[in-house]
Protein backbone atom coordinates (compact mmCIF):
# COMPACT_ATOMS: atom_id res chain seq x y z
CA MET A 1 -21.13 -33.64 -10.25
CA SER A 2 -19.00 -32.87 -7.32
CA ASN A 3 -16.44 -35.75 -8.22
CA PHE A 4 -16.13 -34.35 -11.72
CA LEU A 5 -15.20 -30.78 -9.97
CA ILE A 6 -12.88 -32.53 -7.56
CA VAL A 7 -11.33 -34.32 -10.25
CA LEU A 8 -10.95 -30.97 -12.60
CA ASP A 9 -9.66 -29.20 -9.57
CA VAL A 10 -6.79 -31.60 -9.15
CA ILE A 11 -6.07 -31.83 -12.92
CA LEU A 12 -5.80 -28.29 -12.77
CA GLY A 13 -3.29 -27.92 -9.73
CA VAL A 14 -1.40 -30.48 -11.26
CA ILE A 15 -0.80 -28.21 -14.49
CA LEU A 16 -0.28 -25.12 -12.39
CA LEU A 17 2.39 -27.24 -10.36
CA ALA A 18 4.08 -28.36 -13.47
CA PHE A 19 4.17 -24.81 -15.08
CA LEU A 20 5.60 -23.52 -11.70
CA ALA A 21 8.30 -26.28 -11.37
CA PHE A 22 9.05 -25.42 -15.14
CA TRP A 23 9.45 -21.58 -14.63
CA ALA A 24 11.40 -22.42 -11.54
CA TYR A 25 13.90 -24.80 -13.19
CA ASN A 26 14.52 -22.35 -15.70
CA ARG A 27 15.50 -19.58 -13.18
CA ILE A 28 17.60 -22.06 -11.32
CA GLN A 29 19.36 -22.74 -14.52
CA ALA A 30 19.50 -19.16 -15.55
CA LYS A 31 21.66 -18.33 -12.16
CA ARG A 32 23.51 -21.42 -12.24
CA LEU A 33 24.92 -20.48 -15.54
CA GLY A 34 25.09 -16.85 -15.04
CA GLY A 35 25.77 -14.55 -17.68
CA GLU A 36 22.41 -12.81 -17.80
CA LEU A 37 22.76 -9.47 -19.88
CA THR A 38 20.34 -6.52 -20.37
CA ASN A 39 20.13 -5.10 -23.86
CA GLU A 40 22.63 -2.08 -22.68
CA GLU A 41 25.27 -4.78 -21.45
CA PHE A 42 24.63 -7.02 -24.58
CA ARG A 43 25.14 -3.82 -26.92
CA ALA A 44 28.24 -2.68 -25.22
CA GLY A 45 29.82 -6.02 -25.41
CA MET A 46 28.89 -7.00 -28.76
CA ARG A 47 31.80 -6.04 -30.77
CA LYS A 48 34.38 -8.16 -28.50
CA ALA A 49 31.84 -11.18 -28.46
CA GLN A 50 30.61 -13.95 -31.11
CA ILE A 51 26.75 -13.22 -31.41
CA ILE A 52 25.02 -16.10 -31.82
CA ASP A 53 21.08 -16.54 -32.83
CA VAL A 54 19.87 -20.03 -31.88
CA ARG A 55 16.19 -19.31 -33.51
CA GLU A 56 15.62 -21.58 -36.80
CA ALA A 57 16.85 -20.12 -39.98
CA ASP A 58 13.79 -18.99 -41.77
CA GLU A 59 13.48 -16.52 -38.29
CA PHE A 60 16.72 -15.43 -38.71
CA LYS A 61 16.64 -14.54 -42.29
CA ARG A 62 13.35 -12.71 -41.23
CA GLU A 63 15.15 -10.35 -38.97
CA HIS A 64 18.20 -10.52 -36.51
CA ILE A 65 20.64 -8.61 -34.52
CA ASP A 66 22.88 -7.04 -36.84
CA GLY A 67 26.39 -8.86 -36.44
CA ALA A 68 24.62 -12.11 -35.25
CA ARG A 69 25.24 -15.46 -36.96
CA ASN A 70 22.85 -18.33 -36.85
CA ILE A 71 23.40 -21.75 -35.09
CA PRO A 72 19.92 -22.96 -35.07
CA TYR A 73 19.27 -24.58 -31.62
CA THR A 74 18.58 -28.11 -33.51
CA MET A 75 22.04 -27.93 -35.01
CA PHE A 76 24.14 -26.53 -31.90
CA LYS A 77 25.18 -29.71 -30.41
CA TYR A 78 26.94 -30.48 -33.95
CA GLN A 79 28.13 -26.82 -34.86
CA TYR A 80 29.25 -25.35 -31.57
CA SER A 81 32.64 -26.37 -32.48
CA GLU A 82 32.66 -23.84 -35.11
CA LEU A 83 33.07 -21.02 -32.15
CA ARG A 84 36.22 -19.92 -30.78
CA PRO A 85 36.34 -20.78 -27.04
CA ASP A 86 38.87 -18.05 -26.15
CA LEU A 87 36.27 -15.24 -27.20
CA PRO A 88 32.85 -14.49 -25.21
CA VAL A 89 30.03 -15.83 -26.72
CA TYR A 90 26.59 -13.90 -26.64
CA LEU A 91 23.52 -16.23 -27.23
CA TYR A 92 19.94 -14.90 -28.02
CA SER A 93 16.30 -16.23 -29.21
CA ASP A 94 12.82 -15.89 -28.41
CA SER A 95 13.10 -18.52 -26.01
CA LEU A 96 15.08 -18.55 -22.52
CA THR A 97 15.06 -22.43 -22.24
CA MET A 98 16.68 -22.94 -25.94
CA THR A 99 18.97 -20.21 -24.90
CA LEU A 100 19.99 -21.69 -21.89
CA ARG A 101 20.31 -25.30 -23.17
CA CYS A 102 23.05 -23.95 -26.10
CA ALA A 103 24.65 -21.98 -23.02
CA GLY A 104 24.91 -25.51 -21.09
CA ILE A 105 26.17 -27.12 -24.10
CA LEU A 106 29.05 -24.61 -24.38
CA ARG A 107 29.71 -24.94 -20.53
CA LYS A 108 29.90 -28.54 -20.85
CA HIS A 109 32.62 -28.00 -23.55
CA ASP A 110 34.96 -25.54 -21.65
CA PHE A 111 33.37 -22.45 -22.76
CA THR A 112 33.91 -20.23 -19.94
CA LYS A 113 32.70 -16.42 -21.29
CA VAL A 114 29.10 -17.38 -22.32
CA PHE A 115 26.60 -14.76 -22.01
CA TYR A 116 22.68 -14.41 -23.21
CA LEU A 117 20.17 -11.70 -23.52
CA LYS A 118 17.97 -11.59 -20.57
CA ASP A 119 14.95 -11.07 -22.33
CA GLY A 120 15.32 -12.46 -25.53
CA TYR A 121 15.28 -11.05 -29.17
CA SER A 122 11.51 -9.86 -28.91
CA GLN A 123 12.73 -7.33 -26.46
CA TRP A 124 15.82 -6.40 -28.28
CA ASN A 125 15.96 -2.58 -29.01
CA GLY A 126 19.37 -2.33 -30.82
CA ARG A 127 20.11 -2.50 -34.50
CA LYS A 128 18.56 -5.51 -36.44
CA LYS A 129 18.93 -6.53 -39.74
CA SER A 130 16.46 -7.92 -42.09
CA SER A 131 16.48 -10.16 -45.29
CA LYS A 132 16.24 -8.59 -48.36
CA ASN A 133 14.35 -11.42 -49.92
């Protein structure tokens, strides 16, 4: 029985370390990319930016930030060229990982003004638009 507990402790330890490594990787990526905006900063600059929701189309249709357009994460590497590199790009989703990956794609393609909503869409307290359907 004690061998079982030791193995279980090792497995739980590995899972915990993997989770912490994933969290640290996201934090490092966020710092490296910069561009983290609070709700207030995001709202203040939205009129001059391209607001991009990287969630999937069904989530976007259900509800999104007013003025945003949808380029789903799954299609982002194919559709990023629809964006103007001379204007700021404001990204958001429910997942920091997806948002940072999209920001990384833009940075690799010489977009210099890439920003993202710090706490994601779930914490957005500004104007939203819902689908009529």
